[in-house]
Amino acid sequence: MIEALLNYPLIQNAFLSGLIIGIIAPLLGVFIVVRRMSLIADALSHVTLAGIAGSLYLSQSVASLALLNPIYLGIVASVGGSILIERLRSLYKHYEELAIPIIMSAGIGLSAIFISLASGFSTDLMSYLFGSVSVVSRQDLGVIFIIALIVIVFLLLFFKEMFVLSFDEEYAKATGLPSKWIHLLFMIVVALVIAASMRIVGILLVSSLITLPVAAAMRIAKGFKSTIIYSIIFGESSVIIGLVSAFYLNLAPGGTIVVTSIIILFIVIFVKKLGNNLRVERG
């Protein structure tokens, strides 16, 4: 693995991309989980899949678009889906959760259509579904790096506002906080991270990297900031172990990363329960 990192640019791109995603996905995941919005990640991932499948179909049908990087249309579709979710949430004020299955259904339907038009699953599409170590280009790494900067800038500017919105949205609105616009920006940032993560984790598994490290962190963290720190630690650990496992076992990195995240979650739950039992016995 060390030799491959030193000699093969594709492996370097994949590893660096994974390290970046291992930070930004759990970082946003904390706010998503606290706000009980976990299913939104699934909805946006399916919309992203529609954009990817559409891009692959266009590259087959239009010669001038043959070299178009599918990640760009995937980003456009994901951001568009996040805006539509917010629009639908405002239309169904008393049934806001309806926006998620509506957009998810649209994403699945469009994906099926574009995949059919593109004559079924291809190797390229499979790499987007489950991730791949060998397909991350320098251009993909650049896009992921830019998205990471956007995430960091957003949280630096709106961390306090996001904290208040996450725990007491009604209070935030009462204090005059522009919650609607901040939430829309947050949704767009989440959409960007989902689109950026698809190369490594895969579209169908990206929501797991957003939520599983947070689920593990919440079992042992004693505050909001410590939850963020533990989430990033668990996210990075999952990515590193998952990428190394995928490299040596010749497996899809998305699967190994997610399985590693689940194992970490089970270990944390077991250790936490064991610690509680020991305290009870001593007490």
C-alpha atoms as a PDB file:
ATOM      1  CA  MET A   1       0.000   0.000   0.000  1.00  0.00           C
ATOM      2  CA  ILE A   2       2.810   2.425   0.890  1.00  0.00           C
ATOM      3  CA  GLU A   3       4.611   1.631  -2.364  1.00  0.00           C
ATOM      4  CA  ALA A   4       1.390   2.114  -4.353  1.00  0.00           C
ATOM      5  CA  LEU A   5       0.805   5.476  -2.643  1.00  0.00           C
ATOM      6  CA  LEU A   6       4.253   6.630  -3.632  1.00  0.00           C
ATOM      7  CA  ASN A   7       4.141   5.429  -7.235  1.00  0.00           C
ATOM      8  CA  TYR A   8       0.555   5.498  -8.480  1.00  0.00           C
ATOM      9  CA  PRO A   9      -1.293   8.852  -8.795  1.00  0.00           C
ATOM     10  CA  LEU A  10      -4.736   7.165  -8.863  1.00  0.00           C
ATOM     11  CA  ILE A  11      -4.115   5.571  -5.466  1.00  0.00           C
ATOM     12  CA  GLN A  12      -2.847   8.904  -4.149  1.00  0.00           C
ATOM     13  CA  ASN A  13      -5.986  10.635  -5.444  1.00  0.00           C
ATOM     14  CA  ALA A  14      -8.252   8.034  -3.857  1.00  0.00           C
ATOM     15  CA  PHE A  15      -6.485   8.147  -0.497  1.00  0.00           C
ATOM     16  CA  LEU A  16      -6.395  11.953  -0.298  1.00  0.00           C
ATOM     17  CA  SER A  17     -10.036  12.176  -1.392  1.00  0.00           C
ATOM     18  CA  GLY A  18     -10.987   9.626   1.237  1.00  0.00           C
ATOM     19  CA  LEU A  19      -9.193  11.555   3.984  1.00  0.00           C
ATOM     20  CA  ILE A  20     -11.041  14.752   3.025  1.00  0.00           C
ATOM     21  CA  ILE A  21     -14.425  13.019   2.824  1.00  0.00           C
ATOM     22  CA  GLY A  22     -13.755  11.287   6.137  1.00  0.00           C
ATOM     23  CA  ILE A  23     -13.738  14.748   7.724  1.00  0.00           C
ATOM     24  CA  ILE A  24     -16.505  16.662   5.951  1.00  0.00           C
ATOM     25  CA  ALA A  25     -19.113  13.869   5.764  1.00  0.00           C
ATOM     26  CA  PRO A  26     -19.278  13.154   9.537  1.00  0.00           C
ATOM     27  CA  LEU A  27     -18.841  16.870  10.264  1.00  0.00           C
ATOM     28  CA  LEU A  28     -22.081  17.704   8.466  1.00  0.00           C
ATOM     29  CA  GLY A  29     -23.558  14.408   9.616  1.00  0.00           C
ATOM     30  CA  VAL A  30     -23.659  15.644  13.210  1.00  0.00           C
ATOM     31  CA  PHE A  31     -26.012  18.482  12.242  1.00  0.00           C
ATOM     32  CA  ILE A  32     -28.056  16.162  10.015  1.00  0.00           C
ATOM     33  CA  VAL A  33     -28.553  13.546  12.751  1.00  0.00           C
ATOM     34  CA  VAL A  34     -29.294  16.090  15.500  1.00  0.00           C
ATOM     35  CA  ARG A  35     -31.935  17.695  13.267  1.00  0.00           C
ATOM     36  CA  ARG A  36     -33.426  14.253  12.513  1.00  0.00           C
ATOM     37  CA  MET A  37     -32.794  14.643   8.772  1.00  0.00           C
ATOM     38  CA  SER A  38     -30.877  11.411   8.127  1.00  0.00           C
ATOM     39  CA  LEU A  39     -33.165  10.285   5.288  1.00  0.00           C
ATOM     40  CA  ILE A  40     -32.409  13.477   3.339  1.00  0.00           C
ATOM     41  CA  ALA A  41     -28.944  12.091   2.615  1.00  0.00           C
ATOM     42  CA  ASP A  42     -30.548   9.025   1.020  1.00  0.00           C
ATOM     43  CA  ALA A  43     -32.900  11.176  -1.062  1.00  0.00           C
ATOM     44  CA  LEU A  44     -30.083  13.382  -2.362  1.00  0.00           C
ATOM     45  CA  SER A  45     -27.886  10.366  -3.118  1.00  0.00           C
ATOM     46  CA  HIS A  46     -30.596   8.940  -5.367  1.00  0.00           C
ATOM     47  CA  VAL A  47     -30.991  12.286  -7.122  1.00  0.00           C
ATOM     48  CA  THR A  48     -27.222  12.348  -7.608  1.00  0.00           C
ATOM     49  CA  LEU A  49     -27.464   8.891  -9.161  1.00  0.00           C
ATOM     50  CA  ALA A  50     -29.986  10.278 -11.658  1.00  0.00           C
ATOM     51  CA  GLY A  51     -27.522  13.028 -12.602  1.00  0.00           C
ATOM     52  CA  ILE A  52     -24.671  10.531 -12.995  1.00  0.00           C
ATOM     53  CA  ALA A  53     -26.773   8.133 -15.086  1.00  0.00           C
ATOM     54  CA  GLY A  54     -28.000  11.055 -17.198  1.00  0.00           C
ATOM     55  CA  SER A  55     -24.444  12.241 -17.764  1.00  0.00           C
ATOM     56  CA  LEU A  56     -23.288   8.762 -18.815  1.00  0.00           C
ATOM     57  CA  TYR A  57     -26.233   8.526 -21.238  1.00  0.00           C
ATOM     58  CA  LEU A  58     -25.433  11.936 -22.739  1.00  0.00           C
ATOM     59  CA  SER A  59     -21.782  10.988 -23.141  1.00  0.00           C
ATOM     60  CA  GLN A  60     -22.891   7.984 -25.199  1.00  0.00           C
ATOM     61  CA  SER A  61     -25.429   9.913 -27.262  1.00  0.00           C
ATOM     62  CA  VAL A  62     -23.662  13.233 -27.910  1.00  0.00           C
ATOM     63  CA  ALA A  63     -20.115  13.033 -29.208  1.00  0.00           C
ATOM     64  CA  SER A  64     -19.186  16.504 -27.925  1.00  0.00           C
ATOM     65  CA  LEU A  65     -20.093  15.436 -24.359  1.00  0.00           C
ATOM     66  CA  ALA A  66     -18.074  12.221 -24.402  1.00  0.00           C
ATOM     67  CA  LEU A  67     -15.354  13.717 -22.179  1.00  0.00           C
ATOM     68  CA  LEU A  68     -17.774  15.392 -19.737  1.00  0.00           C
ATOM     69  CA  ASN A  69     -16.978  14.401 -16.150  1.00  0.00           C
ATOM     70  CA  PRO A  70     -20.205  12.861 -14.721  1.00  0.00           C
ATOM     71  CA  ILE A  71     -19.443  14.380 -11.317  1.00  0.00           C
ATOM     72  CA  TYR A  72     -20.494  17.811 -12.607  1.00  0.00           C
ATOM     73  CA  LEU A  73     -24.014  16.770 -13.618  1.00  0.00           C
ATOM     74  CA  GLY A  74     -24.204  14.756 -10.404  1.00  0.00           C
ATOM     75  CA  ILE A  75     -23.456  17.917  -8.416  1.00  0.00           C
ATOM     76  CA  VAL A  76     -26.053  19.899 -10.380  1.00  0.00           C
ATOM     77  CA  ALA A  77     -28.686  17.204  -9.798  1.00  0.00           C
ATOM     78  CA  SER A  78     -27.864  16.940  -6.077  1.00  0.00           C
ATOM     79  CA  VAL A  79     -28.013  20.702  -5.508  1.00  0.00           C
ATOM     80  CA  GLY A  80     -31.218  20.921  -7.547  1.00  0.00           C
ATOM     81  CA  GLY A  81     -32.707  18.130  -5.449  1.00  0.00           C
ATOM     82  CA  SER A  82     -31.823  19.933  -2.205  1.00  0.00           C
ATOM     83  CA  ILE A  83     -33.549  23.107  -3.424  1.00  0.00           C
ATOM     84  CA  LEU A  84     -36.637  21.125  -4.481  1.00  0.00           C
ATOM     85  CA  ILE A  85     -36.804  19.445  -1.076  1.00  0.00           C
ATOM     86  CA  GLU A  86     -36.848  22.840   0.611  1.00  0.00           C
ATOM     87  CA  ARG A  87     -39.509  24.075  -1.808  1.00  0.00           C
ATOM     88  CA  LEU A  88     -41.710  21.050  -1.123  1.00  0.00           C
ATOM     89  CA  ARG A  89     -41.204  21.382   2.633  1.00  0.00           C
ATOM     90  CA  SER A  90     -42.605  24.918   2.409  1.00  0.00           C
ATOM     91  CA  LEU A  91     -45.595  23.695   0.362  1.00  0.00           C
ATOM     92  CA  TYR A  92     -46.416  20.870   2.799  1.00  0.00           C
ATOM     93  CA  LYS A  93     -45.911  22.806   6.030  1.00  0.00           C
ATOM     94  CA  HIS A  94     -47.762  20.282   8.184  1.00  0.00           C
ATOM     95  CA  TYR A  95     -46.332  17.240   6.377  1.00  0.00           C
ATOM     96  CA  GLU A  96     -42.771  18.342   5.654  1.00  0.00           C
ATOM     97  CA  GLU A  97     -41.466  14.759   5.677  1.00  0.00           C
ATOM     98  CA  LEU A  98     -43.346  14.138   2.406  1.00  0.00           C
ATOM     99  CA  ALA A  99     -40.673  16.103   0.544  1.00  0.00           C
ATOM    100  CA  ILE A 100     -38.094  13.358   1.132  1.00  0.00           C
ATOM    101  CA  PRO A 101     -39.941  10.369  -0.440  1.00  0.00           C
ATOM    102  CA  ILE A 102     -41.132  12.589  -3.312  1.00  0.00           C
ATOM    103  CA  ILE A 103     -37.591  13.592  -4.281  1.00  0.00           C
ATOM    104  CA  MET A 104     -36.201  10.116  -3.567  1.00  0.00           C
ATOM    105  CA  SER A 105     -38.852   8.568  -5.833  1.00  0.00           C
ATOM    106  CA  ALA A 106     -38.050  11.080  -8.565  1.00  0.00           C
ATOM    107  CA  GLY A 107     -34.345  10.263  -8.277  1.00  0.00           C
ATOM    108  CA  ILE A 108     -34.933   6.503  -8.470  1.00  0.00           C
ATOM    109  CA  GLY A 109     -37.350   6.865 -11.407  1.00  0.00           C
ATOM    110  CA  LEU A 110     -35.033   9.092 -13.433  1.00  0.00           C
ATOM    111  CA  SER A 111     -32.074   6.844 -12.640  1.00  0.00           C
ATOM    112  CA  ALA A 112     -33.940   3.798 -13.955  1.00  0.00           C
ATOM    113  CA  ILE A 113     -34.871   5.657 -17.153  1.00  0.00           C
ATOM    114  CA  PHE A 114     -31.351   6.910 -17.876  1.00  0.00           C
ATOM    115  CA  ILE A 115     -29.802   3.530 -17.059  1.00  0.00           C
ATOM    116  CA  SER A 116     -32.211   1.870 -19.493  1.00  0.00           C
ATOM    117  CA  LEU A 117     -31.436   4.443 -22.184  1.00  0.00           C
ATOM    118  CA  ALA A 118     -27.730   3.864 -21.623  1.00  0.00           C
ATOM    119  CA  SER A 119     -28.218   0.121 -22.227  1.00  0.00           C
ATOM    120  CA  GLY A 120     -27.973  -0.996 -18.645  1.00  0.00           C
ATOM    121  CA  PHE A 121     -25.219  -0.933 -16.037  1.00  0.00           C
ATOM    122  CA  SER A 122     -21.687  -0.206 -17.173  1.00  0.00           C
ATOM    123  CA  THR A 123     -18.380  -0.440 -15.365  1.00  0.00           C
ATOM    124  CA  ASP A 124     -18.374   3.339 -14.938  1.00  0.00           C
ATOM    125  CA  LEU A 125     -21.821   3.352 -13.364  1.00  0.00           C
ATOM    126  CA  MET A 126     -20.930   0.508 -10.992  1.00  0.00           C
ATOM    127  CA  SER A 127     -17.930   2.500  -9.752  1.00  0.00           C
ATOM    128  CA  TYR A 128     -20.247   5.417  -8.945  1.00  0.00           C
ATOM    129  CA  LEU A 129     -22.720   3.136  -7.159  1.00  0.00           C
ATOM    130  CA  PHE A 130     -20.214   1.444  -4.845  1.00  0.00           C
ATOM    131  CA  GLY A 131     -17.041   3.518  -5.171  1.00  0.00           C
ATOM    132  CA  SER A 132     -13.691   2.606  -6.672  1.00  0.00           C
ATOM    133  CA  VAL A 133     -10.061   3.153  -5.702  1.00  0.00           C
ATOM    134  CA  SER A 134      -8.815   3.207  -9.292  1.00  0.00           C
ATOM    135  CA  VAL A 135     -11.100   5.810 -10.911  1.00  0.00           C
ATOM    136  CA  VAL A 136     -10.505   8.931  -8.795  1.00  0.00           C
ATOM    137  CA  SER A 137      -8.807  11.441 -11.081  1.00  0.00           C
ATOM    138  CA  ARG A 138      -6.831  14.542 -10.153  1.00  0.00           C
ATOM    139  CA  GLN A 139      -9.813  16.543 -11.403  1.00  0.00           C
ATOM    140  CA  ASP A 140     -12.113  14.665  -8.985  1.00  0.00           C
ATOM    141  CA  LEU A 141      -9.678  15.365  -6.146  1.00  0.00           C
ATOM    142  CA  GLY A 142      -9.713  19.059  -7.031  1.00  0.00           C
ATOM    143  CA  VAL A 143     -13.529  19.154  -6.961  1.00  0.00           C
ATOM    144  CA  ILE A 144     -13.588  17.379  -3.599  1.00  0.00           C
ATOM    145  CA  PHE A 145     -11.010  19.813  -2.186  1.00  0.00           C
ATOM    146  CA  ILE A 146     -13.045  22.836  -3.331  1.00  0.00           C
ATOM    147  CA  ILE A 147     -16.219  21.381  -1.810  1.00  0.00           C
ATOM    148  CA  ALA A 148     -14.355  20.766   1.461  1.00  0.00           C
ATOM    149  CA  LEU A 149     -13.333  24.441   1.527  1.00  0.00           C
ATOM    150  CA  ILE A 150     -16.964  25.447   0.958  1.00  0.00           C
ATOM    151  CA  VAL A 151     -18.049  23.250   3.887  1.00  0.00           C
ATOM    152  CA  ILE A 152     -15.412  24.719   6.199  1.00  0.00           C
ATOM    153  CA  VAL A 153     -16.226  28.307   5.223  1.00  0.00           C
ATOM    154  CA  PHE A 154     -19.954  27.677   5.698  1.00  0.00           C
ATOM    155  CA  LEU A 155     -19.485  26.240   9.192  1.00  0.00           C
ATOM    156  CA  LEU A 156     -17.058  28.993  10.200  1.00  0.00           C
ATOM    157  CA  LEU A 157     -19.614  31.600   9.183  1.00  0.00           C
ATOM    158  CA  PHE A 158     -22.749  29.906  10.505  1.00  0.00           C
ATOM    159  CA  PHE A 159     -21.677  27.494  13.252  1.00  0.00           C
ATOM    160  CA  LYS A 160     -23.537  29.325  16.040  1.00  0.00           C
ATOM    161  CA  GLU A 161     -26.646  29.720  13.870  1.00  0.00           C
ATOM    162  CA  MET A 162     -26.571  26.039  12.891  1.00  0.00           C
ATOM    163  CA  PHE A 163     -26.160  25.055  16.558  1.00  0.00           C
ATOM    164  CA  VAL A 164     -29.235  27.055  17.568  1.00  0.00           C
ATOM    165  CA  LEU A 165     -31.271  25.771  14.600  1.00  0.00           C
ATOM    166  CA  SER A 166     -30.309  22.194  15.400  1.00  0.00           C
ATOM    167  CA  PHE A 167     -31.568  22.271  18.983  1.00  0.00           C
ATOM    168  CA  ASP A 168     -34.316  24.927  19.034  1.00  0.00           C
ATOM    169  CA  GLU A 169     -35.584  26.063  15.645  1.00  0.00           C
ATOM    170  CA  GLU A 170     -38.552  27.907  17.130  1.00  0.00           C
ATOM    171  CA  TYR A 171     -36.258  29.995  19.341  1.00  0.00           C
ATOM    172  CA  ALA A 172     -34.046  30.733  16.350  1.00  0.00           C
ATOM    173  CA  LYS A 173     -37.033  32.020  14.380  1.00  0.00           C
ATOM    174  CA  ALA A 174     -38.235  34.081  17.359  1.00  0.00           C
ATOM    175  CA  THR A 175     -34.863  35.818  17.613  1.00  0.00           C
ATOM    176  CA  GLY A 176     -35.049  36.884  13.970  1.00  0.00           C
ATOM    177  CA  LEU A 177     -32.494  34.414  12.669  1.00  0.00           C
ATOM    178  CA  PRO A 178     -32.918  33.929   8.886  1.00  0.00           C
ATOM    179  CA  SER A 179     -33.449  30.210   9.443  1.00  0.00           C
ATOM    180  CA  LYS A 180     -35.001  29.582   6.036  1.00  0.00           C
ATOM    181  CA  TRP A 181     -31.972  30.828   4.106  1.00  0.00           C
ATOM    182  CA  ILE A 182     -29.426  29.251   6.432  1.00  0.00           C
ATOM    183  CA  HIS A 183     -31.215  25.924   6.171  1.00  0.00           C
ATOM    184  CA  LEU A 184     -31.275  26.206   2.371  1.00  0.00           C
ATOM    185  CA  LEU A 185     -27.532  26.902   2.311  1.00  0.00           C
ATOM    186  CA  PHE A 186     -26.984  23.944   4.623  1.00  0.00           C
ATOM    187  CA  MET A 187     -28.972  21.687   2.297  1.00  0.00           C
ATOM    188  CA  ILE A 188     -26.907  22.834  -0.680  1.00  0.00           C
ATOM    189  CA  VAL A 189     -23.673  22.146   1.207  1.00  0.00           C
ATOM    190  CA  VAL A 190     -24.948  18.666   2.145  1.00  0.00           C
ATOM    191  CA  ALA A 191     -25.790  18.050  -1.522  1.00  0.00           C
ATOM    192  CA  LEU A 192     -22.257  19.046  -2.527  1.00  0.00           C
ATOM    193  CA  VAL A 193     -20.704  16.672   0.019  1.00  0.00           C
ATOM    194  CA  ILE A 194     -22.889  13.777  -1.138  1.00  0.00           C
ATOM    195  CA  ALA A 195     -21.907  14.409  -4.751  1.00  0.00           C
ATOM    196  CA  ALA A 196     -18.231  14.662  -3.771  1.00  0.00           C
ATOM    197  CA  SER A 197     -18.284  11.429  -1.761  1.00  0.00           C
ATOM    198  CA  MET A 198     -19.719   9.218  -4.496  1.00  0.00           C
ATOM    199  CA  ARG A 199     -16.348   8.451  -6.132  1.00  0.00           C
ATOM    200  CA  ILE A 200     -14.953   6.858  -2.954  1.00  0.00           C
ATOM    201  CA  VAL A 201     -17.952   5.588  -0.992  1.00  0.00           C
ATOM    202  CA  GLY A 202     -20.456   5.186  -3.810  1.00  0.00           C
ATOM    203  CA  ILE A 203     -23.826   6.856  -4.250  1.00  0.00           C
ATOM    204  CA  LEU A 204     -25.807   4.054  -2.598  1.00  0.00           C
ATOM    205  CA  LEU A 205     -23.598   4.011   0.523  1.00  0.00           C
ATOM    206  CA  VAL A 206     -22.670   7.656   1.044  1.00  0.00           C
ATOM    207  CA  SER A 207     -25.437   8.304   3.596  1.00  0.00           C
ATOM    208  CA  SER A 208     -23.861   5.602   5.792  1.00  0.00           C
ATOM    209  CA  LEU A 209     -20.592   7.542   6.086  1.00  0.00           C
ATOM    210  CA  ILE A 210     -22.611  10.616   7.062  1.00  0.00           C
ATOM    211  CA  THR A 211     -24.633   8.903   9.812  1.00  0.00           C
ATOM    212  CA  LEU A 212     -22.759   5.845  11.152  1.00  0.00           C
ATOM    213  CA  PRO A 213     -19.730   7.706  12.634  1.00  0.00           C
ATOM    214  CA  VAL A 214     -22.162  10.120  14.291  1.00  0.00           C
ATOM    215  CA  ALA A 215     -24.195   7.234  15.715  1.00  0.00           C
ATOM    216  CA  ALA A 216     -21.020   5.812  17.265  1.00  0.00           C
ATOM    217  CA  ALA A 217     -19.883   9.209  18.560  1.00  0.00           C
ATOM    218  CA  MET A 218     -23.212   9.902  20.256  1.00  0.00           C
ATOM    219  CA  ARG A 219     -22.763   6.818  22.434  1.00  0.00           C
ATOM    220  CA  ILE A 220     -19.633   8.169  24.143  1.00  0.00           C
ATOM    221  CA  ALA A 221     -19.574  11.946  23.600  1.00  0.00           C
ATOM    222  CA  LYS A 222     -20.525  14.256  26.455  1.00  0.00           C
ATOM    223  CA  GLY A 223     -21.317  17.357  24.411  1.00  0.00           C
ATOM    224  CA  PHE A 224     -21.925  18.700  20.938  1.00  0.00           C
ATOM    225  CA  LYS A 225     -18.316  19.582  20.161  1.00  0.00           C
ATOM    226  CA  SER A 226     -17.026  16.261  21.460  1.00  0.00           C
ATOM    227  CA  THR A 227     -19.613  14.541  19.243  1.00  0.00           C
ATOM    228  CA  ILE A 228     -18.113  16.344  16.237  1.00  0.00           C
ATOM    229  CA  ILE A 229     -14.571  15.340  17.221  1.00  0.00           C
ATOM    230  CA  TYR A 230     -15.451  11.674  17.790  1.00  0.00           C
ATOM    231  CA  SER A 231     -17.474  11.586  14.559  1.00  0.00           C
ATOM    232  CA  ILE A 232     -14.489  12.808  12.544  1.00  0.00           C
ATOM    233  CA  ILE A 233     -12.171  10.319  14.282  1.00  0.00           C
ATOM    234  CA  PHE A 234     -14.523   7.418  13.560  1.00  0.00           C
ATOM    235  CA  GLY A 235     -15.128   8.661  10.010  1.00  0.00           C
ATOM    236  CA  GLU A 236     -11.412   8.912   9.239  1.00  0.00           C
ATOM    237  CA  SER A 237     -10.745   5.521  10.816  1.00  0.00           C
ATOM    238  CA  SER A 238     -13.470   3.951   8.672  1.00  0.00           C
ATOM    239  CA  VAL A 239     -12.101   5.526   5.497  1.00  0.00           C
ATOM    240  CA  ILE A 240      -8.463   4.573   6.141  1.00  0.00           C
ATOM    241  CA  ILE A 241      -9.206   0.988   7.189  1.00  0.00           C
ATOM    242  CA  GLY A 242     -11.784   0.638   4.413  1.00  0.00           C
ATOM    243  CA  LEU A 243      -9.461   1.916   1.673  1.00  0.00           C
ATOM    244  CA  VAL A 244      -6.575  -0.291   2.819  1.00  0.00           C
ATOM    245  CA  SER A 245      -8.903  -3.319   2.960  1.00  0.00           C
ATOM    246  CA  ALA A 246     -10.319  -2.526  -0.481  1.00  0.00           C
ATOM    247  CA  PHE A 247      -6.811  -2.239  -1.910  1.00  0.00           C
ATOM    248  CA  TYR A 248      -5.529  -5.564  -0.585  1.00  0.00           C
ATOM    249  CA  LEU A 249      -8.765  -7.544  -1.036  1.00  0.00           C
ATOM    250  CA  ASN A 250      -9.670  -5.982  -4.416  1.00  0.00           C
ATOM    251  CA  LEU A 251     -13.117  -4.933  -3.166  1.00  0.00           C
ATOM    252  CA  ALA A 252     -15.315  -1.879  -3.679  1.00  0.00           C
ATOM    253  CA  PRO A 253     -14.138   0.753  -1.144  1.00  0.00           C
ATOM    254  CA  GLY A 254     -17.689   1.854  -0.395  1.00  0.00           C
ATOM    255  CA  GLY A 255     -18.536  -1.555   1.017  1.00  0.00           C
ATOM    256  CA  THR A 256     -15.376  -1.885   3.102  1.00  0.00           C
ATOM    257  CA  ILE A 257     -15.723   1.656   4.476  1.00  0.00           C
ATOM    258  CA  VAL A 258     -19.353   1.137   5.491  1.00  0.00           C
ATOM    259  CA  VAL A 259     -18.719  -2.296   7.018  1.00  0.00           C
ATOM    260  CA  THR A 260     -15.814  -0.801   8.975  1.00  0.00           C
ATOM    261  CA  SER A 261     -18.140   1.966  10.209  1.00  0.00           C
ATOM    262  CA  ILE A 262     -20.666  -0.636  11.372  1.00  0.00           C
ATOM    263  CA  ILE A 263     -17.967  -2.642  13.170  1.00  0.00           C
ATOM    264  CA  ILE A 264     -16.757   0.532  14.916  1.00  0.00           C
ATOM    265  CA  LEU A 265     -20.349   1.316  15.939  1.00  0.00           C
ATOM    266  CA  PHE A 266     -20.852  -2.179  17.401  1.00  0.00           C
ATOM    267  CA  ILE A 267     -17.521  -1.996  19.256  1.00  0.00           C
ATOM    268  CA  VAL A 268     -18.456   1.393  20.761  1.00  0.00           C
ATOM    269  CA  ILE A 269     -21.888   0.101  21.814  1.00  0.00           C
ATOM    270  CA  PHE A 270     -20.330  -3.029  23.369  1.00  0.00           C
ATOM    271  CA  VAL A 271     -17.611  -1.096  25.224  1.00  0.00           C
ATOM    272  CA  LYS A 272     -20.136   1.479  26.447  1.00  0.00           C
ATOM    273  CA  LYS A 273     -22.489  -1.231  27.707  1.00  0.00           C
ATOM    274  CA  LEU A 274     -19.619  -3.102  29.343  1.00  0.00           C
ATOM    275  CA  GLY A 275     -18.513   0.084  31.092  1.00  0.00           C
ATOM    276  CA  ASN A 276     -22.054   0.728  32.362  1.00  0.00           C
ATOM    277  CA  ASN A 277     -22.326  -2.822  33.705  1.00  0.00           C
ATOM    278  CA  LEU A 278     -18.996  -2.503  35.525  1.00  0.00           C
ATOM    279  CA  ARG A 279     -20.101   0.768  37.121  1.00  0.00           C
ATOM    280  CA  VAL A 280     -23.348  -0.837  38.287  1.00  0.00           C
ATOM    281  CA  GLU A 281     -21.471  -3.761  39.834  1.00  0.00           C
ATOM    282  CA  ARG A 282     -19.040  -1.447  41.608  1.00  0.00           C
ATOM    283  CA  GLY A 283     -21.894   0.756  42.807  1.00  0.00           C
END
